[in-house]
């Protein structure tokens, strides 16, 4: 399962970004059998857009075949796009690694409308 985390940096030790659409990076982690199998950092090209950043960022994530997103804050337009692609959204803060471990353990709260 692929999970995307809004991140301040390119590594698992970096903090989860305060925002989804304007996060500098997304960490795309592959989780298999309760473990982090691999990850990649992708630059969020939406972060510098004048408008529509949430929609653009959500589409970028959907193109990566992600099944879940973890972020601290998410706007309504981004949430709607992710929902259209059947991508679940979870709230979390801390480092990317801590959040992934919490996700694997089922400790994160799912965003609702």
PDB file of N, CA and C in Angstrom:
ATOM      1  N   UNK A   1       0.839  -1.177   0.000  1.00  0.00           N
ATOM      2  CA  UNK A   1       0.000   0.000   0.000  1.00  0.00           C
ATOM      3  C   UNK A   1       0.884   1.241   0.000  1.00  0.00           C
ATOM      4  N   UNK A   2       0.551   2.204  -0.850  1.00  0.00           N
ATOM      5  CA  UNK A   2       1.289   3.459  -0.894  1.00  0.00           C
ATOM      6  C   UNK A   2       0.574   4.515  -0.055  1.00  0.00           C
ATOM      7  N   UNK A   3       1.376   5.240   0.736  1.00  0.00           N
ATOM      8  CA  UNK A   3       0.878   6.291   1.600  1.00  0.00           C
ATOM      9  C   UNK A   3       1.688   7.553   1.323  1.00  0.00           C
ATOM     10  N   UNK A   4       1.016   8.700   1.202  1.00  0.00           N
ATOM     11  CA  UNK A   4       1.694   9.979   0.990  1.00  0.00           C
ATOM     12  C   UNK A   4       1.600  10.819   2.254  1.00  0.00           C
ATOM     13  N   UNK A   5       2.729  11.420   2.633  1.00  0.00           N
ATOM     14  CA  UNK A   5       2.775  12.278   3.805  1.00  0.00           C
ATOM     15  C   UNK A   5       3.274  13.649   3.381  1.00  0.00           C
ATOM     16  N   UNK A   6       2.567  14.708   3.766  1.00  0.00           N
ATOM     17  CA  UNK A   6       3.058  16.057   3.492  1.00  0.00           C
ATOM     18  C   UNK A   6       4.243  16.301   4.424  1.00  0.00           C
ATOM     19  N   UNK A   7       5.369  16.721   3.851  1.00  0.00           N
ATOM     20  CA  UNK A   7       6.600  16.785   4.629  1.00  0.00           C
ATOM     21  C   UNK A   7       7.350  18.097   4.439  1.00  0.00           C
ATOM     22  N   UNK A   8       8.075  18.489   5.480  1.00  0.00           N
ATOM     23  CA  UNK A   8       8.937  19.669   5.421  1.00  0.00           C
ATOM     24  C   UNK A   8      10.240  19.376   4.678  1.00  0.00           C
ATOM     25  N   UNK A   9      10.594  18.100   4.537  1.00  0.00           N
ATOM     26  CA  UNK A   9      11.850  17.728   3.892  1.00  0.00           C
ATOM     27  C   UNK A   9      11.749  16.407   3.155  1.00  0.00           C
ATOM     28  N   UNK A  10      12.911  15.850   2.794  1.00  0.00           N
ATOM     29  CA  UNK A  10      12.987  14.668   1.935  1.00  0.00           C
ATOM     30  C   UNK A  10      13.199  13.352   2.684  1.00  0.00           C
ATOM     31  N   UNK A  11      13.280  13.399   4.017  1.00  0.00           N
ATOM     32  CA  UNK A  11      13.645  12.207   4.778  1.00  0.00           C
ATOM     33  C   UNK A  11      12.577  11.815   5.796  1.00  0.00           C
ATOM     34  N   UNK A  12      12.672  10.589   6.267  1.00  0.00           N
ATOM     35  CA  UNK A  12      11.720  10.079   7.259  1.00  0.00           C
ATOM     36  C   UNK A  12      11.833  10.818   8.590  1.00  0.00           C
ATOM     37  N   UNK A  13      12.980  11.426   8.859  1.00  0.00           N
ATOM     38  CA  UNK A  13      13.188  12.149  10.117  1.00  0.00           C
ATOM     39  C   UNK A  13      12.636  13.574  10.074  1.00  0.00           C
ATOM     40  N   UNK A  14      12.221  14.038   8.896  1.00  0.00           N
ATOM     41  CA  UNK A  14      11.664  15.378   8.775  1.00  0.00           C
ATOM     42  C   UNK A  14      10.251  15.428   9.336  1.00  0.00           C
ATOM     43  N   UNK A  15       9.819  16.634   9.694  1.00  0.00           N
ATOM     44  CA  UNK A  15       8.488  16.813  10.280  1.00  0.00           C
ATOM     45  C   UNK A  15       7.395  16.832   9.208  1.00  0.00           C
ATOM     46  N   UNK A  16       6.217  16.369   9.633  1.00  0.00           N
ATOM     47  CA  UNK A  16       5.033  16.462   8.787  1.00  0.00           C
ATOM     48  C   UNK A  16       4.719  17.942   8.614  1.00  0.00           C
ATOM     49  N   UNK A  17       4.427  18.349   7.405  1.00  0.00           N
ATOM     50  CA  UNK A  17       4.120  19.745   7.109  1.00  0.00           C
ATOM     51  C   UNK A  17       2.812  20.154   7.771  1.00  0.00           C
ATOM     52  N   UNK A  18       2.750  21.423   8.147  1.00  0.00           N
ATOM     53  CA  UNK A  18       1.539  21.980   8.748  1.00  0.00           C
ATOM     54  C   UNK A  18       0.369  21.975   7.759  1.00  0.00           C
ATOM     55  N   UNK A  19       0.677  22.035   6.471  1.00  0.00           N
ATOM     56  CA  UNK A  19      -0.349  22.127   5.435  1.00  0.00           C
ATOM     57  C   UNK A  19      -0.084  21.094   4.334  1.00  0.00           C
ATOM     58  N   UNK A  20      -1.142  20.727   3.646  1.00  0.00           N
ATOM     59  CA  UNK A  20      -1.026  19.751   2.562  1.00  0.00           C
ATOM     60  C   UNK A  20      -0.589  20.423   1.262  1.00  0.00           C
ATOM     61  N   UNK A  21      -1.394  21.351   0.775  1.00  0.00           N
ATOM     62  CA  UNK A  21      -1.189  21.919  -0.562  1.00  0.00           C
ATOM     63  C   UNK A  21       0.121  22.691  -0.698  1.00  0.00           C
ATOM     64  N   UNK A  22       0.576  23.307   0.360  1.00  0.00           N
ATOM     65  CA  UNK A  22       1.799  24.124   0.301  1.00  0.00           C
ATOM     66  C   UNK A  22       3.004  23.430   0.939  1.00  0.00           C
ATOM     67  N   UNK A  23       2.898  22.135   1.200  1.00  0.00           N
ATOM     68  CA  UNK A  23       4.028  21.387   1.749  1.00  0.00           C
ATOM     69  C   UNK A  23       5.172  21.390   0.737  1.00  0.00           C
ATOM     70  N   UNK A  24       6.409  21.548   1.188  1.00  0.00           N
ATOM     71  CA  UNK A  24       7.531  21.537   0.248  1.00  0.00           C
ATOM     72  C   UNK A  24       7.708  20.191  -0.477  1.00  0.00           C
ATOM     73  N   UNK A  25       7.427  19.096   0.241  1.00  0.00           N
ATOM     74  CA  UNK A  25       7.618  17.758  -0.326  1.00  0.00           C
ATOM     75  C   UNK A  25       6.479  16.831   0.087  1.00  0.00           C
ATOM     76  N   UNK A  26       6.366  15.751  -0.652  1.00  0.00           N
ATOM     77  CA  UNK A  26       5.537  14.623  -0.248  1.00  0.00           C
ATOM     78  C   UNK A  26       6.450  13.409  -0.167  1.00  0.00           C
ATOM     79  N   UNK A  27       6.332  12.680   0.919  1.00  0.00           N
ATOM     80  CA  UNK A  27       7.028  11.406   1.043  1.00  0.00           C
ATOM     81  C   UNK A  27       6.020  10.335   0.649  1.00  0.00           C
ATOM     82  N   UNK A  28       6.366   9.538  -0.348  1.00  0.00           N
ATOM     83  CA  UNK A  28       5.516   8.427  -0.779  1.00  0.00           C
ATOM     84  C   UNK A  28       6.153   7.159  -0.229  1.00  0.00           C
ATOM     85  N   UNK A  29       5.492   6.543   0.732  1.00  0.00           N
ATOM     86  CA  UNK A  29       6.027   5.342   1.384  1.00  0.00           C
ATOM     87  C   UNK A  29       5.250   4.110   0.942  1.00  0.00           C
ATOM     88  N   UNK A  30       5.969   3.049   0.688  1.00  0.00           N
ATOM     89  CA  UNK A  30       5.368   1.755   0.368  1.00  0.00           C
ATOM     90  C   UNK A  30       5.364   0.940   1.658  1.00  0.00           C
ATOM     91  N   UNK A  31       4.162   0.566   2.094  1.00  0.00           N
ATOM     92  CA  UNK A  31       4.028  -0.231   3.319  1.00  0.00           C
ATOM     93  C   UNK A  31       3.618  -1.640   2.927  1.00  0.00           C
ATOM     94  N   UNK A  32       4.368  -2.596   3.443  1.00  0.00           N
ATOM     95  CA  UNK A  32       4.090  -3.995   3.139  1.00  0.00           C
ATOM     96  C   UNK A  32       4.279  -4.830   4.399  1.00  0.00           C
ATOM     97  N   UNK A  33       3.295  -5.624   4.739  1.00  0.00           N
ATOM     98  CA  UNK A  33       3.340  -6.505   5.912  1.00  0.00           C
ATOM     99  C   UNK A  33       3.700  -5.754   7.195  1.00  0.00           C
ATOM    100  N   UNK A  34       3.095  -4.565   7.359  1.00  0.00           N
ATOM    101  CA  UNK A  34       3.292  -3.802   8.585  1.00  0.00           C
ATOM    102  C   UNK A  34       4.644  -3.130   8.711  1.00  0.00           C
ATOM    103  N   UNK A  35       5.373  -3.007   7.614  1.00  0.00           N
ATOM    104  CA  UNK A  35       6.696  -2.378   7.644  1.00  0.00           C
ATOM    105  C   UNK A  35       6.816  -1.372   6.504  1.00  0.00           C
ATOM    106  N   UNK A  36       7.692  -0.388   6.694  1.00  0.00           N
ATOM    107  CA  UNK A  36       7.996   0.562   5.633  1.00  0.00           C
ATOM    108  C   UNK A  36       8.999  -0.114   4.701  1.00  0.00           C
ATOM    109  N   UNK A  37       8.526  -0.503   3.529  1.00  0.00           N
ATOM    110  CA  UNK A  37       9.381  -1.226   2.579  1.00  0.00           C
ATOM    111  C   UNK A  37      10.344  -0.281   1.872  1.00  0.00           C
ATOM    112  N   UNK A  38       9.830   0.870   1.421  1.00  0.00           N
ATOM    113  CA  UNK A  38      10.651   1.854   0.713  1.00  0.00           C
ATOM    114  C   UNK A  38       9.931   3.194   0.746  1.00  0.00           C
ATOM    115  N   UNK A  39      10.659   4.239   0.357  1.00  0.00           N
ATOM    116  CA  UNK A  39      10.022   5.559   0.254  1.00  0.00           C
ATOM    117  C   UNK A  39      10.763   6.402  -0.760  1.00  0.00           C
ATOM    118  N   UNK A  40      10.048   7.396  -1.280  1.00  0.00           N
ATOM    119  CA  UNK A  40      10.657   8.389  -2.165  1.00  0.00           C
ATOM    120  C   UNK A  40      10.089   9.749  -1.796  1.00  0.00           C
ATOM    121  N   UNK A  41      10.899  10.774  -1.988  1.00  0.00           N
ATOM    122  CA  UNK A  41      10.457  12.145  -1.764  1.00  0.00           C
ATOM    123  C   UNK A  41      10.223  12.796  -3.113  1.00  0.00           C
ATOM    124  N   UNK A  42       9.069  13.447  -3.257  1.00  0.00           N
ATOM    125  CA  UNK A  42       8.810  14.185  -4.488  1.00  0.00           C
ATOM    126  C   UNK A  42       8.549  15.645  -4.128  1.00  0.00           C
ATOM    127  N   UNK A  43       9.083  16.530  -4.932  1.00  0.00           N
ATOM    128  CA  UNK A  43       8.880  17.961  -4.715  1.00  0.00           C
ATOM    129  C   UNK A  43       7.436  18.300  -5.053  1.00  0.00           C
ATOM    130  N   UNK A  44       6.821  19.082  -4.209  1.00  0.00           N
ATOM    131  CA  UNK A  44       5.443  19.506  -4.427  1.00  0.00           C
ATOM    132  C   UNK A  44       5.434  20.715  -5.359  1.00  0.00           C
ATOM    133  N   UNK A  45       5.168  20.470  -6.611  1.00  0.00           N
ATOM    134  CA  UNK A  45       5.151  21.537  -7.607  1.00  0.00           C
ATOM    135  C   UNK A  45       3.979  22.505  -7.388  1.00  0.00           C
ATOM    136  N   UNK A  46       3.001  22.125  -6.595  1.00  0.00           N
ATOM    137  CA  UNK A  46       1.843  22.980  -6.323  1.00  0.00           C
ATOM    138  C   UNK A  46       2.133  24.047  -5.273  1.00  0.00           C
ATOM    139  N   UNK A  47       3.192  23.879  -4.517  1.00  0.00           N
ATOM    140  CA  UNK A  47       3.435  24.755  -3.359  1.00  0.00           C
ATOM    141  C   UNK A  47       3.596  26.229  -3.721  1.00  0.00           C
ATOM    142  N   UNK A  48       4.037  26.533  -4.920  1.00  0.00           N
ATOM    143  CA  UNK A  48       4.254  27.926  -5.315  1.00  0.00           C
ATOM    144  C   UNK A  48       3.176  28.481  -6.243  1.00  0.00           C
ATOM    145  N   UNK A  49       2.123  27.714  -6.481  1.00  0.00           N
ATOM    146  CA  UNK A  49       1.054  28.170  -7.377  1.00  0.00           C
ATOM    147  C   UNK A  49       0.278  29.316  -6.726  1.00  0.00           C
ATOM    148  N   UNK A  50      -0.191  30.220  -7.558  1.00  0.00           N
ATOM    149  CA  UNK A  50      -0.976  31.351  -7.059  1.00  0.00           C
ATOM    150  C   UNK A  50      -2.348  30.897  -6.562  1.00  0.00           C
ATOM    151  N   UNK A  51      -2.982  29.994  -7.275  1.00  0.00           N
ATOM    152  CA  UNK A  51      -4.297  29.499  -6.891  1.00  0.00           C
ATOM    153  C   UNK A  51      -4.444  28.046  -7.276  1.00  0.00           C
ATOM    154  N   UNK A  52      -5.375  27.362  -6.661  1.00  0.00           N
ATOM    155  CA  UNK A  52      -5.644  25.969  -6.993  1.00  0.00           C
ATOM    156  C   UNK A  52      -4.593  24.987  -6.512  1.00  0.00           C
ATOM    157  N   UNK A  53      -3.779  25.385  -5.530  1.00  0.00           N
ATOM    158  CA  UNK A  53      -2.700  24.520  -5.051  1.00  0.00           C
ATOM    159  C   UNK A  53      -3.226  23.205  -4.485  1.00  0.00           C
ATOM    160  N   UNK A  54      -4.333  23.255  -3.754  1.00  0.00           N
ATOM    161  CA  UNK A  54      -4.885  22.038  -3.151  1.00  0.00           C
ATOM    162  C   UNK A  54      -5.324  21.031  -4.187  1.00  0.00           C
ATOM    163  N   UNK A  55      -6.000  21.506  -5.210  1.00  0.00           N
ATOM    164  CA  UNK A  55      -6.473  20.618  -6.283  1.00  0.00           C
ATOM    165  C   UNK A  55      -5.284  20.021  -7.025  1.00  0.00           C
ATOM    166  N   UNK A  56      -4.318  20.863  -7.369  1.00  0.00           N
ATOM    167  CA  UNK A  56      -3.144  20.404  -8.103  1.00  0.00           C
ATOM    168  C   UNK A  56      -2.359  19.373  -7.294  1.00  0.00           C
ATOM    169  N   UNK A  57      -2.146  19.646  -5.999  1.00  0.00           N
ATOM    170  CA  UNK A  57      -1.400  18.724  -5.130  1.00  0.00           C
ATOM    171  C   UNK A  57      -2.140  17.393  -4.990  1.00  0.00           C
ATOM    172  N   UNK A  58      -3.448  17.444  -4.847  1.00  0.00           N
ATOM    173  CA  UNK A  58      -4.242  16.217  -4.720  1.00  0.00           C
ATOM    174  C   UNK A  58      -4.160  15.378  -5.998  1.00  0.00           C
ATOM    175  N   UNK A  59      -4.187  16.036  -7.153  1.00  0.00           N
ATOM    176  CA  UNK A  59      -4.064  15.308  -8.418  1.00  0.00           C
ATOM    177  C   UNK A  59      -2.683  14.678  -8.550  1.00  0.00           C
ATOM    178  N   UNK A  60      -1.653  15.401  -8.132  1.00  0.00           N
ATOM    179  CA  UNK A  60      -0.290  14.871  -8.146  1.00  0.00           C
ATOM    180  C   UNK A  60      -0.198  13.590  -7.320  1.00  0.00           C
ATOM    181  N   UNK A  61      -0.793  13.614  -6.148  1.00  0.00           N
ATOM    182  CA  UNK A  61      -0.788  12.439  -5.266  1.00  0.00           C
ATOM    183  C   UNK A  61      -1.585  11.294  -5.880  1.00  0.00           C
ATOM    184  N   UNK A  62      -2.739  11.596  -6.446  1.00  0.00           N
ATOM    185  CA  UNK A  62      -3.582  10.555  -7.047  1.00  0.00           C
ATOM    186  C   UNK A  62      -2.853   9.848  -8.186  1.00  0.00           C
ATOM    187  N   UNK A  63      -2.035  10.561  -8.935  1.00  0.00           N
ATOM    188  CA  UNK A  63      -1.274   9.971 -10.040  1.00  0.00           C
ATOM    189  C   UNK A  63      -0.232   8.968  -9.565  1.00  0.00           C
ATOM    190  N   UNK A  64       0.116   9.015  -8.288  1.00  0.00           N
ATOM    191  CA  UNK A  64       1.119   8.103  -7.719  1.00  0.00           C
ATOM    192  C   UNK A  64       0.488   6.820  -7.174  1.00  0.00           C
ATOM    193  N   UNK A  65      -0.800   6.610  -7.421  1.00  0.00           N
ATOM    194  CA  UNK A  65      -1.517   5.407  -6.956  1.00  0.00           C
ATOM    195  C   UNK A  65      -1.466   5.243  -5.440  1.00  0.00           C
ATOM    196  N   UNK A  66      -1.591   6.359  -4.745  1.00  0.00           N
ATOM    197  CA  UNK A  66      -1.587   6.372  -3.285  1.00  0.00           C
ATOM    198  C   UNK A  66      -2.974   5.975  -2.780  1.00  0.00           C
ATOM    199  N   UNK A  67      -3.030   5.253  -1.680  1.00  0.00           N
ATOM    200  CA  UNK A  67      -4.308   4.835  -1.088  1.00  0.00           C
ATOM    201  C   UNK A  67      -4.673   5.651   0.146  1.00  0.00           C
ATOM    202  N   UNK A  68      -3.675   6.358   0.731  1.00  0.00           N
ATOM    203  CA  UNK A  68      -3.930   7.161   1.924  1.00  0.00           C
ATOM    204  C   UNK A  68      -2.977   8.351   1.951  1.00  0.00           C
ATOM    205  N   UNK A  69      -3.452   9.461   2.527  1.00  0.00           N
ATOM    206  CA  UNK A  69      -2.656  10.662   2.713  1.00  0.00           C
ATOM    207  C   UNK A  69      -2.649  10.978   4.204  1.00  0.00           C
ATOM    208  N   UNK A  70      -1.475  11.394   4.697  1.00  0.00           N
ATOM    209  CA  UNK A  70      -1.362  11.835   6.088  1.00  0.00           C
ATOM    210  C   UNK A  70      -0.835  13.268   6.068  1.00  0.00           C
ATOM    211  N   UNK A  71      -1.550  14.152   6.742  1.00  0.00           N
ATOM    212  CA  UNK A  71      -1.176  15.553   6.790  1.00  0.00           C
ATOM    213  C   UNK A  71      -1.727  16.160   8.068  1.00  0.00           C
ATOM    214  N   UNK A  72      -1.352  17.387   8.348  1.00  0.00           N
ATOM    215  CA  UNK A  72      -1.888  18.034   9.538  1.00  0.00           C
ATOM    216  C   UNK A  72      -3.155  18.818   9.215  1.00  0.00           C
ATOM    217  N   UNK A  73      -3.123  19.589   8.117  1.00  0.00           N
ATOM    218  CA  UNK A  73      -4.278  20.377   7.702  1.00  0.00           C
ATOM    219  C   UNK A  73      -4.518  20.196   6.209  1.00  0.00           C
ATOM    220  N   UNK A  74      -5.800  20.170   5.838  1.00  0.00           N
ATOM    221  CA  UNK A  74      -6.175  19.922   4.447  1.00  0.00           C
ATOM    222  C   UNK A  74      -7.381  20.782   4.102  1.00  0.00           C
ATOM    223  N   UNK A  75      -7.309  21.470   2.959  1.00  0.00           N
ATOM    224  CA  UNK A  75      -8.414  22.308   2.522  1.00  0.00           C
ATOM    225  C   UNK A  75      -9.545  21.494   1.912  1.00  0.00           C
ATOM    226  N   UNK A  76     -10.729  22.088   1.804  1.00  0.00           N
ATOM    227  CA  UNK A  76     -11.898  21.356   1.308  1.00  0.00           C
ATOM    228  C   UNK A  76     -11.787  20.918  -0.151  1.00  0.00           C
ATOM    229  N   UNK A  77     -11.141  21.704  -0.988  1.00  0.00           N
ATOM    230  CA  UNK A  77     -11.015  21.316  -2.401  1.00  0.00           C
ATOM    231  C   UNK A  77     -10.076  20.128  -2.565  1.00  0.00           C
ATOM    232  N   UNK A  78      -8.961  20.156  -1.869  1.00  0.00           N
ATOM    233  CA  UNK A  78      -8.030  19.023  -1.919  1.00  0.00           C
ATOM    234  C   UNK A  78      -8.699  17.763  -1.367  1.00  0.00           C
ATOM    235  N   UNK A  79      -9.436  17.923  -0.264  1.00  0.00           N
ATOM    236  CA  UNK A  79     -10.132  16.781   0.329  1.00  0.00           C
ATOM    237  C   UNK A  79     -11.110  16.164  -0.667  1.00  0.00           C
ATOM    238  N   UNK A  80     -11.853  17.011  -1.373  1.00  0.00           N
ATOM    239  CA  UNK A  80     -12.835  16.527  -2.343  1.00  0.00           C
ATOM    240  C   UNK A  80     -12.166  15.773  -3.488  1.00  0.00           C
ATOM    241  N   UNK A  81     -11.049  16.285  -4.000  1.00  0.00           N
ATOM    242  CA  UNK A  81     -10.330  15.594  -5.082  1.00  0.00           C
ATOM    243  C   UNK A  81      -9.817  14.241  -4.592  1.00  0.00           C
ATOM    244  N   UNK A  82      -9.224  14.203  -3.411  1.00  0.00           N
ATOM    245  CA  UNK A  82      -8.724  12.937  -2.871  1.00  0.00           C
ATOM    246  C   UNK A  82      -9.870  11.943  -2.680  1.00  0.00           C
ATOM    247  N   UNK A  83     -10.996  12.436  -2.210  1.00  0.00           N
ATOM    248  CA  UNK A  83     -12.165  11.568  -2.007  1.00  0.00           C
ATOM    249  C   UNK A  83     -12.656  10.988  -3.338  1.00  0.00           C
ATOM    250  N   UNK A  84     -12.618  11.804  -4.399  1.00  0.00           N
ATOM    251  CA  UNK A  84     -13.039  11.317  -5.718  1.00  0.00           C
ATOM    252  C   UNK A  84     -12.168  10.162  -6.198  1.00  0.00           C
ATOM    253  N   UNK A  85     -10.908  10.139  -5.764  1.00  0.00           N
ATOM    254  CA  UNK A  85      -9.993   9.063  -6.133  1.00  0.00           C
ATOM    255  C   UNK A  85      -9.961   7.946  -5.087  1.00  0.00           C
ATOM    256  N   UNK A  86     -10.902   7.976  -4.142  1.00  0.00           N
ATOM    257  CA  UNK A  86     -10.992   6.982  -3.066  1.00  0.00           C
ATOM    258  C   UNK A  86      -9.722   6.899  -2.224  1.00  0.00           C
ATOM    259  N   UNK A  87      -9.107   8.055  -2.004  1.00  0.00           N
ATOM    260  CA  UNK A  87      -7.912   8.132  -1.165  1.00  0.00           C
ATOM    261  C   UNK A  87      -8.345   8.607   0.217  1.00  0.00           C
ATOM    262  N   UNK A  88      -8.042   7.817   1.234  1.00  0.00           N
ATOM    263  CA  UNK A  88      -8.393   8.180   2.605  1.00  0.00           C
ATOM    264  C   UNK A  88      -7.381   9.196   3.126  1.00  0.00           C
ATOM    265  N   UNK A  89      -7.845  10.069   4.009  1.00  0.00           N
ATOM    266  CA  UNK A  89      -6.989  11.121   4.557  1.00  0.00           C
ATOM    267  C   UNK A  89      -6.967  11.008   6.075  1.00  0.00           C
ATOM    268  N   UNK A  90      -5.758  11.049   6.630  1.00  0.00           N
ATOM    269  CA  UNK A  90      -5.569  10.920   8.070  1.00  0.00           C
ATOM    270  C   UNK A  90      -4.830  12.138   8.609  1.00  0.00           C
ATOM    271  N   UNK A  91      -5.113  12.472   9.847  1.00  0.00           N
ATOM    272  CA  UNK A  91      -4.476  13.597  10.511  1.00  0.00           C
ATOM    273  C   UNK A  91      -3.326  13.096  11.375  1.00  0.00           C
ATOM    274  N   UNK A  92      -2.209  13.816  11.299  1.00  0.00           N
ATOM    275  CA  UNK A  92      -1.084  13.431  12.135  1.00  0.00           C
ATOM    276  C   UNK A  92      -0.039  14.520  12.201  1.00  0.00           C
ATOM    277  N   UNK A  93       0.739  14.502  13.281  1.00  0.00           N
ATOM    278  CA  UNK A  93       1.851  15.437  13.417  1.00  0.00           C
ATOM    279  C   UNK A  93       3.013  14.718  14.080  1.00  0.00           C
ATOM    280  N   UNK A  94       4.197  15.273  13.873  1.00  0.00           N
ATOM    281  CA  UNK A  94       5.427  14.643  14.353  1.00  0.00           C
ATOM    282  C   UNK A  94       6.350  14.442  13.173  1.00  0.00           C
ATOM    283  N   UNK A  95       7.250  13.472  13.280  1.00  0.00           N
ATOM    284  CA  UNK A  95       8.118  13.173  12.140  1.00  0.00           C
ATOM    285  C   UNK A  95       7.393  12.217  11.196  1.00  0.00           C
ATOM    286  N   UNK A  96       7.858  12.175   9.974  1.00  0.00           N
ATOM    287  CA  UNK A  96       7.256  11.289   8.974  1.00  0.00           C
ATOM    288  C   UNK A  96       7.328   9.841   9.454  1.00  0.00           C
ATOM    289  N   UNK A  97       8.461   9.438   9.999  1.00  0.00           N
ATOM    290  CA  UNK A  97       8.624   8.055  10.468  1.00  0.00           C
ATOM    291  C   UNK A  97       7.650   7.740  11.605  1.00  0.00           C
ATOM    292  N   UNK A  98       7.524   8.652  12.572  1.00  0.00           N
ATOM    293  CA  UNK A  98       6.594   8.435  13.695  1.00  0.00           C
ATOM    294  C   UNK A  98       5.162   8.288  13.192  1.00  0.00           C
ATOM    295  N   UNK A  99       4.801   9.142  12.250  1.00  0.00           N
ATOM    296  CA  UNK A  99       3.443   9.124  11.715  1.00  0.00           C
ATOM    297  C   UNK A  99       3.174   7.835  10.942  1.00  0.00           C
ATOM    298  N   UNK A 100       4.150   7.381  10.175  1.00  0.00           N
ATOM    299  CA  UNK A 100       3.972   6.121   9.449  1.00  0.00           C
ATOM    300  C   UNK A 100       3.804   4.952  10.419  1.00  0.00           C
ATOM    301  N   UNK A 101       4.568   4.965  11.493  1.00  0.00           N
ATOM    302  CA  UNK A 101       4.435   3.906  12.504  1.00  0.00           C
ATOM    303  C   UNK A 101       3.055   3.958  13.163  1.00  0.00           C
ATOM    304  N   UNK A 102       2.567   5.173  13.439  1.00  0.00           N
ATOM    305  CA  UNK A 102       1.224   5.323  14.005  1.00  0.00           C
ATOM    306  C   UNK A 102       0.160   4.854  13.010  1.00  0.00           C
ATOM    307  N   UNK A 103       0.363   5.137  11.733  1.00  0.00           N
ATOM    308  CA  UNK A 103      -0.576   4.694  10.695  1.00  0.00           C
ATOM    309  C   UNK A 103      -0.623   3.169  10.639  1.00  0.00           C
ATOM    310  N   UNK A 104       0.531   2.555  10.633  1.00  0.00           N
ATOM    311  CA  UNK A 104       0.605   1.084  10.580  1.00  0.00           C
ATOM    312  C   UNK A 104      -0.087   0.474  11.796  1.00  0.00           C
ATOM    313  N   UNK A 105       0.055   1.140  12.967  1.00  0.00           N
ATOM    314  CA  UNK A 105      -0.555   0.650  14.202  1.00  0.00           C
ATOM    315  C   UNK A 105      -2.033   0.985  14.327  1.00  0.00           C
ATOM    316  N   UNK A 106      -2.573   1.758  13.376  1.00  0.00           N
ATOM    317  CA  UNK A 106      -3.986   2.115  13.398  1.00  0.00           C
ATOM    318  C   UNK A 106      -4.331   3.204  14.397  1.00  0.00           C
ATOM    319  N   UNK A 107      -3.358   4.050  14.747  1.00  0.00           N
ATOM    320  CA  UNK A 107      -3.560   5.077  15.765  1.00  0.00           C
ATOM    321  C   UNK A 107      -4.016   6.438  15.219  1.00  0.00           C
ATOM    322  N   UNK A 108      -4.014   6.615  13.898  1.00  0.00           N
ATOM    323  CA  UNK A 108      -4.354   7.918  13.333  1.00  0.00           C
ATOM    324  C   UNK A 108      -5.846   8.067  13.113  1.00  0.00           C
ATOM    325  N   UNK A 109      -6.300   9.308  13.252  1.00  0.00           N
ATOM    326  CA  UNK A 109      -7.717   9.624  13.055  1.00  0.00           C
ATOM    327  C   UNK A 109      -7.951   9.991  11.593  1.00  0.00           C
ATOM    328  N   UNK A 110      -8.997   9.407  11.015  1.00  0.00           N
ATOM    329  CA  UNK A 110      -9.339   9.705   9.616  1.00  0.00           C
ATOM    330  C   UNK A 110     -10.093  11.027   9.532  1.00  0.00           C
ATOM    331  N   UNK A 111      -9.724  11.850   8.534  1.00  0.00           N
ATOM    332  CA  UNK A 111     -10.449  13.098   8.294  1.00  0.00           C
ATOM    333  C   UNK A 111     -11.870  12.752   7.840  1.00  0.00           C
ATOM    334  N   UNK A 112     -12.801  13.557   8.294  1.00  0.00           N
ATOM    335  CA  UNK A 112     -14.155  13.453   7.760  1.00  0.00           C
ATOM    336  C   UNK A 112     -14.505  14.819   7.207  1.00  0.00           C
ATOM    337  N   UNK A 113     -15.632  14.928   6.560  1.00  0.00           N
ATOM    338  CA  UNK A 113     -16.010  16.194   5.952  1.00  0.00           C
ATOM    339  C   UNK A 113     -16.088  17.280   6.992  1.00  0.00           C
TER     340      UNK A 113
END
